[in-house]
Amino acid sequence: DSIKAIGLDTAKAVINAPREMLVE
């Protein structure tokens, strides 16, 4: 839910997103 809240709904979207963005 935390990841989806920043607009990332799929596995590829999360993998391609910067790690720092996921943390912050």
mmCIF file of all heavy atoms, coordinates in Angstrom:
data_MODEL
# 
_entry.id   MODEL 
# 
loop_
_atom_site.group_PDB 
_atom_site.id 
_atom_site.type_symbol 
_atom_site.label_atom_id 
_atom_site.label_alt_id 
_atom_site.label_comp_id 
_atom_site.label_asym_id 
_atom_site.label_entity_id 
_atom_site.label_seq_id 
_atom_site.pdbx_PDB_ins_code 
_atom_site.Cartn_x 
_atom_site.Cartn_y 
_atom_site.Cartn_z 
_atom_site.occupancy 
_atom_site.B_iso_or_equiv 
_atom_site.pdbx_formal_charge 
_atom_site.auth_seq_id 
_atom_site.auth_comp_id 
_atom_site.auth_asym_id 
_atom_site.auth_atom_id 
_atom_site.pdbx_PDB_model_num 
ATOM 1   N N   . ASP A 1 1  ? 0.824  -1.212 0.000   1.00 0.00 ? 1  ASP A N   1 
ATOM 2   C CA  . ASP A 1 1  ? 0.000  0.000  0.000   1.00 0.00 ? 1  ASP A CA  1 
ATOM 3   C C   . ASP A 1 1  ? 0.860  1.265  0.000   1.00 0.00 ? 1  ASP A C   1 
ATOM 4   O O   . ASP A 1 1  ? 0.524  2.266  -0.651  1.00 0.00 ? 1  ASP A O   1 
ATOM 5   C CB  . ASP A 1 1  ? -0.932 0.005  1.215   1.00 0.00 ? 1  ASP A CB  1 
ATOM 6   C CG  . ASP A 1 1  ? -2.028 -1.054 1.102   1.00 0.00 ? 1  ASP A CG  1 
ATOM 7   O OD1 . ASP A 1 1  ? -2.273 -1.523 -0.027  1.00 0.00 ? 1  ASP A OD1 1 
ATOM 8   O OD2 . ASP A 1 1  ? -2.613 -1.420 2.146   1.00 0.00 ? 1  ASP A OD2 1 
ATOM 9   N N   . SER A 1 2  ? 1.971  1.229  0.745   1.00 0.00 ? 2  SER A N   1 
ATOM 10  C CA  . SER A 1 2  ? 2.875  2.389  0.800   1.00 0.00 ? 2  SER A CA  1 
ATOM 11  C C   . SER A 1 2  ? 3.486  2.663  -0.566  1.00 0.00 ? 2  SER A C   1 
ATOM 12  O O   . SER A 1 2  ? 3.642  3.828  -0.977  1.00 0.00 ? 2  SER A O   1 
ATOM 13  C CB  . SER A 1 2  ? 3.988  2.152  1.822   1.00 0.00 ? 2  SER A CB  1 
ATOM 14  O OG  . SER A 1 2  ? 3.459  2.029  3.120   1.00 0.00 ? 2  SER A OG  1 
ATOM 15  N N   . ILE A 1 3  ? 3.846  1.598  -1.283  1.00 0.00 ? 3  ILE A N   1 
ATOM 16  C CA  . ILE A 1 3  ? 4.452  1.759  -2.613  1.00 0.00 ? 3  ILE A CA  1 
ATOM 17  C C   . ILE A 1 3  ? 3.404  2.225  -3.620  1.00 0.00 ? 3  ILE A C   1 
ATOM 18  O O   . ILE A 1 3  ? 3.656  3.104  -4.445  1.00 0.00 ? 3  ILE A O   1 
ATOM 19  C CB  . ILE A 1 3  ? 5.108  0.439  -3.068  1.00 0.00 ? 3  ILE A CB  1 
ATOM 20  C CG1 . ILE A 1 3  ? 6.263  0.066  -2.118  1.00 0.00 ? 3  ILE A CG1 1 
ATOM 21  C CG2 . ILE A 1 3  ? 5.618  0.554  -4.498  1.00 0.00 ? 3  ILE A CG2 1 
ATOM 22  C CD1 . ILE A 1 3  ? 6.863  -1.295 -2.373  1.00 0.00 ? 3  ILE A CD1 1 
ATOM 23  N N   . LYS A 1 4  ? 2.206  1.658  -3.524  1.00 0.00 ? 4  LYS A N   1 
ATOM 24  C CA  . LYS A 1 4  ? 1.138  2.050  -4.450  1.00 0.00 ? 4  LYS A CA  1 
ATOM 25  C C   . LYS A 1 4  ? 0.733  3.513  -4.228  1.00 0.00 ? 4  LYS A C   1 
ATOM 26  O O   . LYS A 1 4  ? 0.308  4.209  -5.154  1.00 0.00 ? 4  LYS A O   1 
ATOM 27  C CB  . LYS A 1 4  ? -0.075 1.135  -4.268  1.00 0.00 ? 4  LYS A CB  1 
ATOM 28  C CG  . LYS A 1 4  ? 0.148  -0.277 -4.831  1.00 0.00 ? 4  LYS A CG  1 
ATOM 29  C CD  . LYS A 1 4  ? -0.965 -1.231 -4.423  1.00 0.00 ? 4  LYS A CD  1 
ATOM 30  C CE  . LYS A 1 4  ? -2.294 -0.859 -5.055  1.00 0.00 ? 4  LYS A CE  1 
ATOM 31  N NZ  . LYS A 1 4  ? -3.353 -1.839 -4.701  1.00 0.00 ? 4  LYS A NZ  1 
ATOM 32  N N   . ALA A 1 5  ? 0.891  3.997  -2.987  1.00 0.00 ? 5  ALA A N   1 
ATOM 33  C CA  . ALA A 1 5  ? 0.504  5.367  -2.660  1.00 0.00 ? 5  ALA A CA  1 
ATOM 34  C C   . ALA A 1 5  ? 1.353  6.406  -3.389  1.00 0.00 ? 5  ALA A C   1 
ATOM 35  O O   . ALA A 1 5  ? 0.940  7.556  -3.549  1.00 0.00 ? 5  ALA A O   1 
ATOM 36  C CB  . ALA A 1 5  ? 0.591  5.595  -1.148  1.00 0.00 ? 5  ALA A CB  1 
ATOM 37  N N   . ILE A 1 6  ? 2.537  6.016  -3.842  1.00 0.00 ? 6  ILE A N   1 
ATOM 38  C CA  . ILE A 1 6  ? 3.393  6.956  -4.587  1.00 0.00 ? 6  ILE A CA  1 
ATOM 39  C C   . ILE A 1 6  ? 3.274  6.733  -6.090  1.00 0.00 ? 6  ILE A C   1 
ATOM 40  O O   . ILE A 1 6  ? 4.101  7.215  -6.870  1.00 0.00 ? 6  ILE A O   1 
ATOM 41  C CB  . ILE A 1 6  ? 4.851  6.874  -4.119  1.00 0.00 ? 6  ILE A CB  1 
ATOM 42  C CG1 . ILE A 1 6  ? 5.458  5.496  -4.404  1.00 0.00 ? 6  ILE A CG1 1 
ATOM 43  C CG2 . ILE A 1 6  ? 4.986  7.216  -2.665  1.00 0.00 ? 6  ILE A CG2 1 
ATOM 44  C CD1 . ILE A 1 6  ? 6.971  5.425  -4.160  1.00 0.00 ? 6  ILE A CD1 1 
ATOM 45  N N   . GLY A 1 7  ? 2.253  5.962  -6.503  1.00 0.00 ? 7  GLY A N   1 
ATOM 46  C CA  . GLY A 1 7  ? 1.956  5.816  -7.927  1.00 0.00 ? 7  GLY A CA  1 
ATOM 47  C C   . GLY A 1 7  ? 2.588  4.637  -8.623  1.00 0.00 ? 7  GLY A C   1 
ATOM 48  O O   . GLY A 1 7  ? 2.587  4.562  -9.851  1.00 0.00 ? 7  GLY A O   1 
ATOM 49  N N   . LEU A 1 8  ? 3.140  3.690  -7.869  1.00 0.00 ? 8  LEU A N   1 
ATOM 50  C CA  . LEU A 1 8  ? 3.767  2.507  -8.463  1.00 0.00 ? 8  LEU A CA  1 
ATOM 51  C C   . LEU A 1 8  ? 2.885  1.298  -8.188  1.00 0.00 ? 8  LEU A C   1 
ATOM 52  O O   . LEU A 1 8  ? 2.783  0.841  -7.056  1.00 0.00 ? 8  LEU A O   1 
ATOM 53  C CB  . LEU A 1 8  ? 5.176  2.305  -7.884  1.00 0.00 ? 8  LEU A CB  1 
ATOM 54  C CG  . LEU A 1 8  ? 6.127  3.517  -8.003  1.00 0.00 ? 8  LEU A CG  1 
ATOM 55  C CD1 . LEU A 1 8  ? 7.450  3.224  -7.314  1.00 0.00 ? 8  LEU A CD1 1 
ATOM 56  C CD2 . LEU A 1 8  ? 6.365  3.878  -9.462  1.00 0.00 ? 8  LEU A CD2 1 
ATOM 57  N N   . ASP A 1 9  ? 2.247  0.783  -9.253  1.00 0.00 ? 9  ASP A N   1 
ATOM 58  C CA  . ASP A 1 9  ? 1.275  -0.307 -9.078  1.00 0.00 ? 9  ASP A CA  1 
ATOM 59  C C   . ASP A 1 9  ? 1.792  -1.661 -9.527  1.00 0.00 ? 9  ASP A C   1 
ATOM 60  O O   . ASP A 1 9  ? 1.221  -2.690 -9.178  1.00 0.00 ? 9  ASP A O   1 
ATOM 61  C CB  . ASP A 1 9  ? -0.016 0.006  -9.857  1.00 0.00 ? 9  ASP A CB  1 
ATOM 62  C CG  . ASP A 1 9  ? -0.688 1.267  -9.346  1.00 0.00 ? 9  ASP A CG  1 
ATOM 63  O OD1 . ASP A 1 9  ? -0.651 1.482  -8.115  1.00 0.00 ? 9  ASP A OD1 1 
ATOM 64  O OD2 . ASP A 1 9  ? -1.248 2.022  -10.158 1.00 0.00 ? 9  ASP A OD2 1 
ATOM 65  N N   . THR A 1 10 ? 2.846  -1.672 -10.347 1.00 0.00 ? 10 THR A N   1 
ATOM 66  C CA  . THR A 1 10 ? 3.323  -2.938 -10.912 1.00 0.00 ? 10 THR A CA  1 
ATOM 67  C C   . THR A 1 10 ? 4.761  -3.227 -10.509 1.00 0.00 ? 10 THR A C   1 
ATOM 68  O O   . THR A 1 10 ? 5.503  -2.339 -10.077 1.00 0.00 ? 10 THR A O   1 
ATOM 69  C CB  . THR A 1 10 ? 3.229  -2.908 -12.442 1.00 0.00 ? 10 THR A CB  1 
ATOM 70  O OG1 . THR A 1 10 ? 4.149  -1.921 -12.939 1.00 0.00 ? 10 THR A OG1 1 
ATOM 71  C CG2 . THR A 1 10 ? 1.813  -2.559 -12.901 1.00 0.00 ? 10 THR A CG2 1 
ATOM 72  N N   . ALA A 1 11 ? 5.139  -4.468 -10.692 1.00 0.00 ? 11 ALA A N   1 
ATOM 73  C CA  . ALA A 1 11 ? 6.485  -4.911 -10.320 1.00 0.00 ? 11 ALA A CA  1 
ATOM 74  C C   . ALA A 1 11 ? 7.547  -4.178 -11.124 1.00 0.00 ? 11 ALA A C   1 
ATOM 75  O O   . ALA A 1 11 ? 8.561  -3.716 -10.578 1.00 0.00 ? 11 ALA A O   1 
ATOM 76  C CB  . ALA A 1 11 ? 6.606  -6.413 -10.509 1.00 0.00 ? 11 ALA A CB  1 
ATOM 77  N N   . LYS A 1 12 ? 7.341  -4.066 -12.449 1.00 0.00 ? 12 LYS A N   1 
ATOM 78  C CA  . LYS A 1 12 ? 8.328  -3.403 -13.298 1.00 0.00 ? 12 LYS A CA  1 
ATOM 79  C C   . LYS A 1 12 ? 8.481  -1.920 -12.923 1.00 0.00 ? 12 LYS A C   1 
ATOM 80  O O   . LYS A 1 12 ? 9.593  -1.378 -12.965 1.00 0.00 ? 12 LYS A O   1 
ATOM 81  C CB  . LYS A 1 12 ? 7.914  -3.534 -14.769 1.00 0.00 ? 12 LYS A CB  1 
ATOM 82  C CG  . LYS A 1 12 ? 8.221  -4.901 -15.380 1.00 0.00 ? 12 LYS A CG  1 
ATOM 83  C CD  . LYS A 1 12 ? 9.724  -5.052 -15.597 1.00 0.00 ? 12 LYS A CD  1 
ATOM 84  C CE  . LYS A 1 12 ? 10.082 -6.394 -16.216 1.00 0.00 ? 12 LYS A CE  1 
ATOM 85  N NZ  . LYS A 1 12 ? 9.675  -6.483 -17.610 1.00 0.00 ? 12 LYS A NZ  1 
ATOM 86  N N   . ALA A 1 13 ? 7.354  -1.290 -12.563 1.00 0.00 ? 13 ALA A N   1 
ATOM 87  C CA  . ALA A 1 13 ? 7.412  0.121  -12.179 1.00 0.00 ? 13 ALA A CA  1 
ATOM 88  C C   . ALA A 1 13 ? 8.273  0.311  -10.936 1.00 0.00 ? 13 ALA A C   1 
ATOM 89  O O   . ALA A 1 13 ? 9.048  1.272  -10.834 1.00 0.00 ? 13 ALA A O   1 
ATOM 90  C CB  . ALA A 1 13 ? 6.007  0.657  -11.934 1.00 0.00 ? 13 ALA A CB  1 
ATOM 91  N N   . VAL A 1 14 ? 8.155  -0.621 -9.994  1.00 0.00 ? 14 VAL A N   1 
ATOM 92  C CA  . VAL A 1 14 ? 8.950  -0.545 -8.765  1.00 0.00 ? 14 VAL A CA  1 
ATOM 93  C C   . VAL A 1 14 ? 10.417 -0.813 -9.056  1.00 0.00 ? 14 VAL A C   1 
ATOM 94  O O   . VAL A 1 14 ? 11.314 -0.120 -8.570  1.00 0.00 ? 14 VAL A O   1 
ATOM 95  C CB  . VAL A 1 14 ? 8.414  -1.533 -7.715  1.00 0.00 ? 14 VAL A CB  1 
ATOM 96  C CG1 . VAL A 1 14 ? 9.311  -1.528 -6.477  1.00 0.00 ? 14 VAL A CG1 1 
ATOM 97  C CG2 . VAL A 1 14 ? 6.987  -1.189 -7.328  1.00 0.00 ? 14 VAL A CG2 1 
ATOM 98  N N   . ILE A 1 15 ? 10.681 -1.822 -9.895  1.00 0.00 ? 15 ILE A N   1 
ATOM 99  C CA  . ILE A 1 15 ? 12.069 -2.177 -10.226 1.00 0.00 ? 15 ILE A CA  1 
ATOM 100 C C   . ILE A 1 15 ? 12.767 -1.027 -10.947 1.00 0.00 ? 15 ILE A C   1 
ATOM 101 O O   . ILE A 1 15 ? 13.945 -0.741 -10.701 1.00 0.00 ? 15 ILE A O   1 
ATOM 102 C CB  . ILE A 1 15 ? 12.100 -3.465 -11.094 1.00 0.00 ? 15 ILE A CB  1 
ATOM 103 C CG1 . ILE A 1 15 ? 11.639 -4.667 -10.262 1.00 0.00 ? 15 ILE A CG1 1 
ATOM 104 C CG2 . ILE A 1 15 ? 13.494 -3.707 -11.656 1.00 0.00 ? 15 ILE A CG2 1 
ATOM 105 C CD1 . ILE A 1 15 ? 11.444 -5.936 -11.061 1.00 0.00 ? 15 ILE A CD1 1 
ATOM 106 N N   . ASN A 1 16 ? 12.019 -0.338 -11.820 1.00 0.00 ? 16 ASN A N   1 
ATOM 107 C CA  . ASN A 1 16 ? 12.617 0.756  -12.595 1.00 0.00 ? 16 ASN A CA  1 
ATOM 108 C C   . ASN A 1 16 ? 12.694 2.070  -11.827 1.00 0.00 ? 16 ASN A C   1 
ATOM 109 O O   . ASN A 1 16 ? 13.379 3.005  -12.247 1.00 0.00 ? 16 ASN A O   1 
ATOM 110 C CB  . ASN A 1 16 ? 11.818 0.978  -13.883 1.00 0.00 ? 16 ASN A CB  1 
ATOM 111 C CG  . ASN A 1 16 ? 11.994 -0.167 -14.867 1.00 0.00 ? 16 ASN A CG  1 
ATOM 112 O OD1 . ASN A 1 16 ? 13.091 -0.705 -15.003 1.00 0.00 ? 16 ASN A OD1 1 
ATOM 113 N ND2 . ASN A 1 16 ? 10.919 -0.552 -15.547 1.00 0.00 ? 16 ASN A ND2 1 
ATOM 114 N N   . ALA A 1 17 ? 11.982 2.151  -10.719 1.00 0.00 ? 17 ALA A N   1 
ATOM 115 C CA  . ALA A 1 17 ? 12.028 3.375  -9.900  1.00 0.00 ? 17 ALA A CA  1 
ATOM 116 C C   . ALA A 1 17 ? 13.337 3.439  -9.124  1.00 0.00 ? 17 ALA A C   1 
ATOM 117 O O   . ALA A 1 17 ? 13.876 2.404  -8.722  1.00 0.00 ? 17 ALA A O   1 
ATOM 118 C CB  . ALA A 1 17 ? 10.848 3.405  -8.938  1.00 0.00 ? 17 ALA A CB  1 
ATOM 119 N N   . PRO A 1 18 ? 13.880 4.610  -8.906  1.00 0.00 ? 18 PRO A N   1 
ATOM 120 C CA  . PRO A 1 18 ? 15.113 4.736  -8.120  1.00 0.00 ? 18 PRO A CA  1 
ATOM 121 C C   . PRO A 1 18 ? 14.917 4.215  -6.687  1.00 0.00 ? 18 PRO A C   1 
ATOM 122 O O   . PRO A 1 18 ? 13.879 4.482  -6.065  1.00 0.00 ? 18 PRO A O   1 
ATOM 123 C CB  . PRO A 1 18 ? 15.390 6.238  -8.117  1.00 0.00 ? 18 PRO A CB  1 
ATOM 124 C CG  . PRO A 1 18 ? 14.616 6.777  -9.273  1.00 0.00 ? 18 PRO A CG  1 
ATOM 125 C CD  . PRO A 1 18 ? 13.412 5.913  -9.404  1.00 0.00 ? 18 PRO A CD  1 
ATOM 126 N N   . ARG A 1 19 ? 15.901 3.527  -6.197  1.00 0.00 ? 19 ARG A N   1 
ATOM 127 C CA  . ARG A 1 19 ? 15.837 2.983  -4.838  1.00 0.00 ? 19 ARG A CA  1 
ATOM 128 C C   . ARG A 1 19 ? 15.649 4.098  -3.813  1.00 0.00 ? 19 ARG A C   1 
ATOM 129 O O   . ARG A 1 19 ? 14.883 3.965  -2.845  1.00 0.00 ? 19 ARG A O   1 
ATOM 130 C CB  . ARG A 1 19 ? 17.124 2.207  -4.548  1.00 0.00 ? 19 ARG A CB  1 
ATOM 131 C CG  . ARG A 1 19 ? 17.245 1.638  -3.137  1.00 0.00 ? 19 ARG A CG  1 
ATOM 132 C CD  . ARG A 1 19 ? 18.531 0.842  -3.014  1.00 0.00 ? 19 ARG A CD  1 
ATOM 133 N NE  . ARG A 1 19 ? 18.740 0.353  -1.663  1.00 0.00 ? 19 ARG A NE  1 
ATOM 134 C CZ  . ARG A 1 19 ? 19.310 1.057  -0.698  1.00 0.00 ? 19 ARG A CZ  1 
ATOM 135 N NH1 . ARG A 1 19 ? 19.705 2.302  -0.947  1.00 0.00 ? 19 ARG A NH1 1 
ATOM 136 N NH2 . ARG A 1 19 ? 19.476 0.543  0.512   1.00 0.00 ? 19 ARG A NH2 1 
ATOM 137 N N   . GLU A 1 20 ? 16.349 5.235  -4.038  1.00 0.00 ? 20 GLU A N   1 
ATOM 138 C CA  . GLU A 1 20 ? 16.255 6.348  -3.083  1.00 0.00 ? 20 GLU A CA  1 
ATOM 139 C C   . GLU A 1 20 ? 14.831 6.893  -2.992  1.00 0.00 ? 20 GLU A C   1 
ATOM 140 O O   . GLU A 1 20 ? 14.367 7.304  -1.932  1.00 0.00 ? 20 GLU A O   1 
ATOM 141 C CB  . GLU A 1 20 ? 17.217 7.473  -3.485  1.00 0.00 ? 20 GLU A CB  1 
ATOM 142 C CG  . GLU A 1 20 ? 18.694 7.108  -3.393  1.00 0.00 ? 20 GLU A CG  1 
ATOM 143 C CD  . GLU A 1 20 ? 19.199 6.411  -4.652  1.00 0.00 ? 20 GLU A CD  1 
ATOM 144 O OE1 . GLU A 1 20 ? 18.341 6.072  -5.513  1.00 0.00 ? 20 GLU A OE1 1 
ATOM 145 O OE2 . GLU A 1 20 ? 20.412 6.195  -4.767  1.00 0.00 ? 20 GLU A OE2 1 
ATOM 146 N N   . MET A 1 21 ? 14.117 6.878  -4.136  1.00 0.00 ? 21 MET A N   1 
ATOM 147 C CA  . MET A 1 21 ? 12.750 7.381  -4.139  1.00 0.00 ? 21 MET A CA  1 
ATOM 148 C C   . MET A 1 21 ? 11.837 6.475  -3.319  1.00 0.00 ? 21 MET A C   1 
ATOM 149 O O   . MET A 1 21 ? 10.954 6.939  -2.596  1.00 0.00 ? 21 MET A O   1 
ATOM 150 C CB  . MET A 1 21 ? 12.232 7.485  -5.577  1.00 0.00 ? 21 MET A CB  1 
ATOM 151 C CG  . MET A 1 21 ? 10.880 8.188  -5.690  1.00 0.00 ? 21 MET A CG  1 
ATOM 152 S SD  . MET A 1 21 ? 10.320 8.368  -7.383  1.00 0.00 ? 21 MET A SD  1 
ATOM 153 C CE  . MET A 1 21 ? 9.525  6.771  -7.614  1.00 0.00 ? 21 MET A CE  1 
ATOM 154 N N   . LEU A 1 22 ? 12.060 5.173  -3.422  1.00 0.00 ? 22 LEU A N   1 
ATOM 155 C CA  . LEU A 1 22 ? 11.256 4.229  -2.642  1.00 0.00 ? 22 LEU A CA  1 
ATOM 156 C C   . LEU A 1 22 ? 11.481 4.429  -1.152  1.00 0.00 ? 22 LEU A C   1 
ATOM 157 O O   . LEU A 1 22 ? 10.549 4.370  -0.341  1.00 0.00 ? 22 LEU A O   1 
ATOM 158 C CB  . LEU A 1 22 ? 11.598 2.788  -3.041  1.00 0.00 ? 22 LEU A CB  1 
ATOM 159 C CG  . LEU A 1 22 ? 11.227 2.373  -4.475  1.00 0.00 ? 22 LEU A CG  1 
ATOM 160 C CD1 . LEU A 1 22 ? 11.812 1.004  -4.802  1.00 0.00 ? 22 LEU A CD1 1 
ATOM 161 C CD2 . LEU A 1 22 ? 9.717  2.349  -4.649  1.00 0.00 ? 22 LEU A CD2 1 
ATOM 162 N N   . VAL A 1 23 ? 12.719 4.699  -0.778  1.00 0.00 ? 23 VAL A N   1 
ATOM 163 C CA  . VAL A 1 23 ? 13.046 4.898  0.642   1.00 0.00 ? 23 VAL A CA  1 
ATOM 164 C C   . VAL A 1 23 ? 12.407 6.188  1.158   1.00 0.00 ? 23 VAL A C   1 
ATOM 165 O O   . VAL A 1 23 ? 11.772 6.201  2.218   1.00 0.00 ? 23 VAL A O   1 
ATOM 166 C CB  . VAL A 1 23 ? 14.580 4.946  0.846   1.00 0.00 ? 23 VAL A CB  1 
ATOM 167 C CG1 . VAL A 1 23 ? 14.914 5.337  2.278   1.00 0.00 ? 23 VAL A CG1 1 
ATOM 168 C CG2 . VAL A 1 23 ? 15.206 3.604  0.503   1.00 0.00 ? 23 VAL A CG2 1 
ATOM 169 N N   . GLU A 1 24 ? 12.569 7.279  0.406   1.00 0.00 ? 24 GLU A N   1 
ATOM 170 C CA  . GLU A 1 24 ? 12.101 8.587  0.880   1.00 0.00 ? 24 GLU A CA  1 
ATOM 171 C C   . GLU A 1 24 ? 10.594 8.765  0.749   1.00 0.00 ? 24 GLU A C   1 
ATOM 172 O O   . GLU A 1 24 ? 9.902  9.076  1.718   1.00 0.00 ? 24 GLU A O   1 
ATOM 173 C CB  . GLU A 1 24 ? 12.815 9.700  0.106   1.00 0.00 ? 24 GLU A CB  1 
ATOM 174 C CG  . GLU A 1 24 ? 14.258 9.875  0.551   1.00 0.00 ? 24 GLU A CG  1 
ATOM 175 C CD  . GLU A 1 24 ? 14.846 11.192 0.070   1.00 0.00 ? 24 GLU A CD  1 
ATOM 176 O OE1 . GLU A 1 24 ? 14.076 12.058 -0.375  1.00 0.00 ? 24 GLU A OE1 1 
ATOM 177 O OE2 . GLU A 1 24 ? 16.070 11.335 0.156   1.00 0.00 ? 24 GLU A OE2 1 
# 
